[in-house]
Each structure stands twice: as C-alpha cells, then as structure tokens.
Amino acid sequence: MALGADELTEIERIVAAAEAGASPLAGLRQRFPHLAWTRCDASDVSEVPFKSLPRFDLHLIDGSDHCVQITSDLERATGVVLAARSTKP
C-alpha cells in the first residue's frame, strides 16, 4: 500500500513533535502498520532526503519491485527511512 499525502503530513507532524533524545519509531510503526519502517543514522544514507526535519531526515522507500530502493515518488512509496541527524547542544 502506497504512502498517501495526508499520511506523510501526519508522519512529519509526529516526527517534528518527538522530544529530544526520543525516537518516534515505535509510535509510527503502531500508527502506520502498512508501511515499512527503518531507522538509521543520517550519515548512513547518501541520497538526498525527501524531507528534512529538525532532528530527522525522511527518505521514502519503494518496495514494489524485487529490490527495495529510495524514491522521491510519493505514489511509489511503501515505507520510510527515519534517518537521525546529530544535533549540536
């Protein structure tokens, strides 16, 4: 099931509202169980993020073909990579 624009807006809201030091991943998995979720460090992803938020970059995953890949096409997105960026105190 593809990621909808309204869902992306809600995901952005949840991620942006996450408290410092906390990961919103568990709540996102519960709220959007039809999407694939991955969390990593932003330095582990070389592609340009679909969206950058204060503490996380969001990358869209296209899992519709044999191999999973990063996509910028919302209509092909079947999941999200939540890439944590280091923040200076």
C-alpha atoms as a PDB file:
ATOM      1  CA  MET A   1       0.000   0.000   0.000  1.00  0.00           C
ATOM      2  CA  ALA A   2       1.438   3.358  -1.047  1.00  0.00           C
ATOM      3  CA  LEU A   3       2.010   6.278   1.269  1.00  0.00           C
ATOM      4  CA  GLY A   4      -0.643   8.988   0.989  1.00  0.00           C
ATOM      5  CA  ALA A   5      -0.038  12.744   1.164  1.00  0.00           C
ATOM      6  CA  ASP A   6      -2.193  13.041   4.301  1.00  0.00           C
ATOM      7  CA  GLU A   7      -0.223  10.241   5.950  1.00  0.00           C
ATOM      8  CA  LEU A   8       3.048  11.966   5.088  1.00  0.00           C
ATOM      9  CA  THR A   9       1.792  15.170   6.701  1.00  0.00           C
ATOM     10  CA  GLU A  10       0.881  13.236   9.858  1.00  0.00           C
ATOM     11  CA  ILE A  11       4.271  11.477   9.874  1.00  0.00           C
ATOM     12  CA  GLU A  12       6.052  14.822   9.596  1.00  0.00           C
ATOM     13  CA  ARG A  13       3.980  16.187  12.490  1.00  0.00           C
ATOM     14  CA  ILE A  14       4.772  13.191  14.723  1.00  0.00           C
ATOM     15  CA  VAL A  15       8.488  13.244  13.914  1.00  0.00           C
ATOM     16  CA  ALA A  16       8.791  17.011  14.405  1.00  0.00           C
ATOM     17  CA  ALA A  17       6.985  16.788  17.768  1.00  0.00           C
ATOM     18  CA  ALA A  18       9.203  13.995  19.141  1.00  0.00           C
ATOM     19  CA  GLU A  19      11.076  15.036  22.257  1.00  0.00           C
ATOM     20  CA  ALA A  20      14.851  15.364  22.136  1.00  0.00           C
ATOM     21  CA  GLY A  21      16.528  12.030  22.760  1.00  0.00           C
ATOM     22  CA  ALA A  22      13.347  10.091  21.984  1.00  0.00           C
ATOM     23  CA  SER A  23      12.708   8.077  18.860  1.00  0.00           C
ATOM     24  CA  PRO A  24       9.217   8.296  17.368  1.00  0.00           C
ATOM     25  CA  LEU A  25       9.724   4.984  15.526  1.00  0.00           C
ATOM     26  CA  ALA A  26       7.597   2.741  17.771  1.00  0.00           C
ATOM     27  CA  GLY A  27       4.655   5.129  17.613  1.00  0.00           C
ATOM     28  CA  LEU A  28       4.981   5.469  13.843  1.00  0.00           C
ATOM     29  CA  ARG A  29       5.017   1.691  13.382  1.00  0.00           C
ATOM     30  CA  GLN A  30       1.891   1.407  15.503  1.00  0.00           C
ATOM     31  CA  ARG A  31       0.080   4.280  13.756  1.00  0.00           C
ATOM     32  CA  PHE A  32       1.076   3.206  10.207  1.00  0.00           C
ATOM     33  CA  PRO A  33       1.462  -0.605  10.271  1.00  0.00           C
ATOM     34  CA  HIS A  34       1.024  -0.899   6.492  1.00  0.00           C
ATOM     35  CA  LEU A  35       4.305   0.955   5.887  1.00  0.00           C
ATOM     36  CA  ALA A  36       7.845  -0.445   6.144  1.00  0.00           C
ATOM     37  CA  TRP A  37       9.931   1.444   8.709  1.00  0.00           C
ATOM     38  CA  THR A  38      13.693   1.688   9.120  1.00  0.00           C
ATOM     39  CA  ARG A  39      15.708   3.873  11.470  1.00  0.00           C
ATOM     40  CA  CYS A  40      19.367   4.705  10.937  1.00  0.00           C
ATOM     41  CA  ASP A  41      21.882   7.490  11.278  1.00  0.00           C
ATOM     42  CA  ALA A  42      21.645  10.161   8.575  1.00  0.00           C
ATOM     43  CA  SER A  43      25.302   9.542   7.674  1.00  0.00           C
ATOM     44  CA  ASP A  44      24.300   6.019   6.575  1.00  0.00           C
ATOM     45  CA  VAL A  45      22.147   7.359   3.713  1.00  0.00           C
ATOM     46  CA  SER A  46      23.789   9.046   0.722  1.00  0.00           C
ATOM     47  CA  GLU A  47      20.574  10.012  -1.101  1.00  0.00           C
ATOM     48  CA  VAL A  48      19.012  13.451  -0.740  1.00  0.00           C
ATOM     49  CA  PRO A  49      16.195  13.296   1.849  1.00  0.00           C
ATOM     50  CA  PHE A  50      12.594  13.607   0.732  1.00  0.00           C
ATOM     51  CA  LYS A  51      12.072  15.898   3.731  1.00  0.00           C
ATOM     52  CA  SER A  52      14.421  17.278   6.388  1.00  0.00           C
ATOM     53  CA  LEU A  53      13.078  17.978   9.846  1.00  0.00           C
ATOM     54  CA  PRO A  54      14.978  19.400  12.840  1.00  0.00           C
ATOM     55  CA  ARG A  55      16.261  16.025  14.124  1.00  0.00           C
ATOM     56  CA  PHE A  56      15.470  13.553  11.348  1.00  0.00           C
ATOM     57  CA  ASP A  57      15.629  13.230   7.584  1.00  0.00           C
ATOM     58  CA  LEU A  58      12.805  11.314   5.930  1.00  0.00           C
ATOM     59  CA  HIS A  59      13.604   9.087   2.963  1.00  0.00           C
ATOM     60  CA  LEU A  60      10.853   7.250   1.108  1.00  0.00           C
ATOM     61  CA  ILE A  61      11.215   3.540   0.361  1.00  0.00           C
ATOM     62  CA  ASP A  62       9.920   1.917  -2.822  1.00  0.00           C
ATOM     63  CA  GLY A  63       9.453  -1.798  -2.167  1.00  0.00           C
ATOM     64  CA  SER A  64       7.229  -2.515  -5.152  1.00  0.00           C
ATOM     65  CA  ASP A  65       9.952  -4.210  -7.204  1.00  0.00           C
ATOM     66  CA  HIS A  66      12.270  -7.077  -6.349  1.00  0.00           C
ATOM     67  CA  CYS A  67      14.766  -4.791  -4.590  1.00  0.00           C
ATOM     68  CA  VAL A  68      13.962  -2.044  -2.113  1.00  0.00           C
ATOM     69  CA  GLN A  69      15.202   1.396  -3.102  1.00  0.00           C
ATOM     70  CA  ILE A  70      14.985   5.028  -2.023  1.00  0.00           C
ATOM     71  CA  THR A  71      12.475   7.037  -4.056  1.00  0.00           C
ATOM     72  CA  SER A  72      11.230  10.594  -4.267  1.00  0.00           C
ATOM     73  CA  ASP A  73       7.952   9.441  -5.823  1.00  0.00           C
ATOM     74  CA  LEU A  74       5.236   9.561  -3.172  1.00  0.00           C
ATOM     75  CA  GLU A  75       2.980   7.321  -5.296  1.00  0.00           C
ATOM     76  CA  ARG A  76       5.590   4.528  -5.224  1.00  0.00           C
ATOM     77  CA  ALA A  77       6.499   4.895  -1.548  1.00  0.00           C
ATOM     78  CA  THR A  78       5.727   1.849   0.581  1.00  0.00           C
ATOM     79  CA  GLY A  79       7.789   2.865   3.593  1.00  0.00           C
ATOM     80  CA  VAL A  80      10.007   5.416   5.273  1.00  0.00           C
ATOM     81  CA  VAL A  81      13.604   5.580   6.444  1.00  0.00           C
ATOM     82  CA  LEU A  82      13.837   7.713   9.559  1.00  0.00           C
ATOM     83  CA  ALA A  83      17.440   8.974   9.470  1.00  0.00           C
ATOM     84  CA  ALA A  84      18.557  10.622  12.711  1.00  0.00           C
ATOM     85  CA  ARG A  85      20.759  13.666  12.287  1.00  0.00           C
ATOM     86  CA  SER A  86      23.182  14.612  15.014  1.00  0.00           C
ATOM     87  CA  THR A  87      22.258  17.884  16.645  1.00  0.00           C
ATOM     88  CA  LYS A  88      24.565  20.222  18.483  1.00  0.00           C
ATOM     89  CA  PRO A  89      23.529  21.022  22.077  1.00  0.00           C
END
